[in-house]
Amino acid sequence: MFSLPVLVLVLKELVLVSALLVLTTRLQTETFHISVEMPGYLYLCKYVGLCQVGLGSTTTAEFLAKARNIVTQHRELQNQVEALNSQIGHLEMTQLRAVSERDTHTPMS
């Protein structure tokens, strides 16, 4: 027959296996519930996300109108950024010229 330590190890393994079976069953049940409930949840998450960026709508036409509006606003903002970058470049060049002129007119000590 088996010695006592071996029997204790076998019993511990049996307890672990039964615990794993319980966890497996619970996981399968939760997975089933998630697979049944997930499509509606995903739709809700997508709708909430679209609402947060201003695209929440009930019709395709409304969605497209809002999307076009966002694209138009984006283009306008890009044009403003380009104009500001141009002004910044012009100011930097003016500053460089002023520093260069100051350095050429300042006597070295």
C-alpha atoms as a PDB file:
ATOM      1  CA  MET A   1       0.000   0.000   0.000  1.00  0.00           C
ATOM      2  CA  PHE A   2       0.873   3.678  -0.162  1.00  0.00           C
ATOM      3  CA  SER A   3       2.531   5.511   2.641  1.00  0.00           C
ATOM      4  CA  LEU A   4       0.696   8.195   4.579  1.00  0.00           C
ATOM      5  CA  PRO A   5       2.526  11.208   2.963  1.00  0.00           C
ATOM      6  CA  VAL A   6       1.590   9.959  -0.517  1.00  0.00           C
ATOM      7  CA  LEU A   7      -2.080   9.601   0.499  1.00  0.00           C
ATOM      8  CA  VAL A   8      -2.039  13.135   1.931  1.00  0.00           C
ATOM      9  CA  LEU A   9      -0.642  14.480  -1.366  1.00  0.00           C
ATOM     10  CA  VAL A  10      -3.304  12.609  -3.346  1.00  0.00           C
ATOM     11  CA  LEU A  11      -6.057  14.035  -1.127  1.00  0.00           C
ATOM     12  CA  LYS A  12      -4.662  17.557  -1.540  1.00  0.00           C
ATOM     13  CA  GLU A  13      -4.658  17.102  -5.325  1.00  0.00           C
ATOM     14  CA  LEU A  14      -8.266  15.885  -5.215  1.00  0.00           C
ATOM     15  CA  VAL A  15      -9.279  18.986  -3.249  1.00  0.00           C
ATOM     16  CA  LEU A  16      -7.487  21.224  -5.764  1.00  0.00           C
ATOM     17  CA  VAL A  17      -9.119  19.434  -8.708  1.00  0.00           C
ATOM     18  CA  SER A  18     -12.579  19.817  -7.182  1.00  0.00           C
ATOM     19  CA  ALA A  19     -11.929  23.534  -6.533  1.00  0.00           C
ATOM     20  CA  LEU A  20     -10.795  23.959 -10.145  1.00  0.00           C
ATOM     21  CA  LEU A  21     -13.954  22.243 -11.360  1.00  0.00           C
ATOM     22  CA  VAL A  22     -16.089  24.664  -9.342  1.00  0.00           C
ATOM     23  CA  LEU A  23     -14.160  27.638 -10.748  1.00  0.00           C
ATOM     24  CA  THR A  24     -14.418  26.266 -14.282  1.00  0.00           C
ATOM     25  CA  THR A  25     -18.178  25.886 -13.968  1.00  0.00           C
ATOM     26  CA  ARG A  26     -18.528  29.424 -12.598  1.00  0.00           C
ATOM     27  CA  LEU A  27     -16.351  30.809 -15.407  1.00  0.00           C
ATOM     28  CA  GLN A  28     -18.395  28.996 -18.049  1.00  0.00           C
ATOM     29  CA  THR A  29     -21.603  30.421 -16.577  1.00  0.00           C
ATOM     30  CA  GLU A  30     -20.199  33.963 -16.509  1.00  0.00           C
ATOM     31  CA  THR A  31     -18.867  33.597 -20.044  1.00  0.00           C
ATOM     32  CA  PHE A  32     -22.299  32.531 -21.247  1.00  0.00           C
ATOM     33  CA  HIS A  33     -23.944  35.544 -19.591  1.00  0.00           C
ATOM     34  CA  ILE A  34     -21.383  37.896 -21.066  1.00  0.00           C
ATOM     35  CA  SER A  35     -21.836  36.464 -24.565  1.00  0.00           C
ATOM     36  CA  VAL A  36     -25.602  36.930 -24.279  1.00  0.00           C
ATOM     37  CA  GLU A  37     -25.478  40.433 -22.785  1.00  0.00           C
ATOM     38  CA  MET A  38     -22.387  41.792 -24.602  1.00  0.00           C
ATOM     39  CA  PRO A  39     -23.885  42.892 -27.955  1.00  0.00           C
ATOM     40  CA  GLY A  40     -26.294  45.309 -26.256  1.00  0.00           C
ATOM     41  CA  TYR A  41     -23.574  46.503 -23.915  1.00  0.00           C
ATOM     42  CA  LEU A  42     -21.162  47.117 -26.793  1.00  0.00           C
ATOM     43  CA  TYR A  43     -23.830  49.045 -28.677  1.00  0.00           C
ATOM     44  CA  LEU A  44     -24.466  51.188 -25.597  1.00  0.00           C
ATOM     45  CA  CYS A  45     -20.719  51.848 -25.163  1.00  0.00           C
ATOM     46  CA  LYS A  46     -20.357  52.830 -28.809  1.00  0.00           C
ATOM     47  CA  TYR A  47     -23.383  55.125 -28.610  1.00  0.00           C
ATOM     48  CA  VAL A  48     -22.107  56.787 -25.422  1.00  0.00           C
ATOM     49  CA  GLY A  49     -18.693  57.242 -27.049  1.00  0.00           C
ATOM     50  CA  LEU A  50     -20.279  58.785 -30.123  1.00  0.00           C
ATOM     51  CA  CYS A  51     -22.344  61.103 -27.917  1.00  0.00           C
ATOM     52  CA  GLN A  52     -19.202  62.243 -26.109  1.00  0.00           C
ATOM     53  CA  VAL A  53     -17.616  63.381 -29.387  1.00  0.00           C
ATOM     54  CA  GLY A  54     -20.846  64.990 -30.602  1.00  0.00           C
ATOM     55  CA  LEU A  55     -21.938  62.231 -32.986  1.00  0.00           C
ATOM     56  CA  GLY A  56     -24.843  60.770 -31.030  1.00  0.00           C
ATOM     57  CA  SER A  57     -27.731  60.496 -33.457  1.00  0.00           C
ATOM     58  CA  THR A  58     -30.775  58.404 -34.199  1.00  0.00           C
ATOM     59  CA  THR A  59     -30.667  58.499 -37.995  1.00  0.00           C
ATOM     60  CA  THR A  60     -27.987  58.035 -40.607  1.00  0.00           C
ATOM     61  CA  ALA A  61     -28.653  61.468 -42.102  1.00  0.00           C
ATOM     62  CA  GLU A  62     -28.258  63.130 -38.704  1.00  0.00           C
ATOM     63  CA  PHE A  63     -25.027  61.207 -38.092  1.00  0.00           C
ATOM     64  CA  LEU A  64     -23.608  62.248 -41.486  1.00  0.00           C
ATOM     65  CA  ALA A  65     -24.571  65.882 -40.943  1.00  0.00           C
ATOM     66  CA  LYS A  66     -22.817  65.922 -37.558  1.00  0.00           C
ATOM     67  CA  ALA A  67     -19.770  64.168 -39.021  1.00  0.00           C
ATOM     68  CA  ARG A  68     -19.556  66.710 -41.861  1.00  0.00           C
ATOM     69  CA  ASN A  69     -19.812  69.531 -39.336  1.00  0.00           C
ATOM     70  CA  ILE A  70     -16.925  68.056 -37.334  1.00  0.00           C
ATOM     71  CA  VAL A  71     -14.805  67.699 -40.484  1.00  0.00           C
ATOM     72  CA  THR A  72     -15.548  71.315 -41.441  1.00  0.00           C
ATOM     73  CA  GLN A  73     -14.625  72.546 -37.966  1.00  0.00           C
ATOM     74  CA  HIS A  74     -11.441  70.475 -38.091  1.00  0.00           C
ATOM     75  CA  ARG A  75     -10.411  72.014 -41.415  1.00  0.00           C
ATOM     76  CA  GLU A  76     -11.092  75.510 -40.097  1.00  0.00           C
ATOM     77  CA  LEU A  77      -8.970  74.809 -37.030  1.00  0.00           C
ATOM     78  CA  GLN A  78      -6.185  73.415 -39.220  1.00  0.00           C
ATOM     79  CA  ASN A  79      -6.228  76.622 -41.273  1.00  0.00           C
ATOM     80  CA  GLN A  80      -6.021  78.700 -38.096  1.00  0.00           C
ATOM     81  CA  VAL A  81      -3.093  76.583 -36.870  1.00  0.00           C
ATOM     82  CA  GLU A  82      -1.283  77.062 -40.191  1.00  0.00           C
ATOM     83  CA  ALA A  83      -1.840  80.825 -40.009  1.00  0.00           C
ATOM     84  CA  LEU A  84      -0.541  80.942 -36.430  1.00  0.00           C
ATOM     85  CA  ASN A  85       2.484  78.832 -37.350  1.00  0.00           C
ATOM     86  CA  SER A  86       3.191  81.227 -40.202  1.00  0.00           C
ATOM     87  CA  GLN A  87       2.970  84.215 -37.846  1.00  0.00           C
ATOM     88  CA  ILE A  88       5.252  82.459 -35.360  1.00  0.00           C
ATOM     89  CA  GLY A  89       7.792  81.784 -38.114  1.00  0.00           C
ATOM     90  CA  HIS A  90       7.649  85.412 -39.217  1.00  0.00           C
ATOM     91  CA  LEU A  91       8.122  86.634 -35.625  1.00  0.00           C
ATOM     92  CA  GLU A  92      11.040  84.256 -35.093  1.00  0.00           C
ATOM     93  CA  MET A  93      12.728  85.505 -38.269  1.00  0.00           C
ATOM     94  CA  THR A  94      12.157  89.127 -37.183  1.00  0.00           C
ATOM     95  CA  GLN A  95      13.646  88.318 -33.783  1.00  0.00           C
ATOM     96  CA  LEU A  96      16.686  86.648 -35.366  1.00  0.00           C
ATOM     97  CA  ARG A  97      17.254  89.655 -37.617  1.00  0.00           C
ATOM     98  CA  ALA A  98      16.956  92.040 -34.656  1.00  0.00           C
ATOM     99  CA  VAL A  99      19.410  89.994 -32.598  1.00  0.00           C
ATOM    100  CA  SER A 100      21.784  89.759 -35.549  1.00  0.00           C
ATOM    101  CA  GLU A 101      21.626  93.526 -36.145  1.00  0.00           C
ATOM    102  CA  ARG A 102      22.139  94.213 -32.455  1.00  0.00           C
ATOM    103  CA  ASP A 103      25.160  91.904 -32.379  1.00  0.00           C
ATOM    104  CA  THR A 104      26.721  93.540 -35.458  1.00  0.00           C
ATOM    105  CA  HIS A 105      26.227  97.054 -34.085  1.00  0.00           C
ATOM    106  CA  THR A 106      27.398  96.293 -30.561  1.00  0.00           C
ATOM    107  CA  PRO A 107      31.146  96.858 -30.156  1.00  0.00           C
ATOM    108  CA  MET A 108      33.086  93.954 -28.733  1.00  0.00           C
ATOM    109  CA  SER A 109      34.783  94.621 -25.415  1.00  0.00           C
END
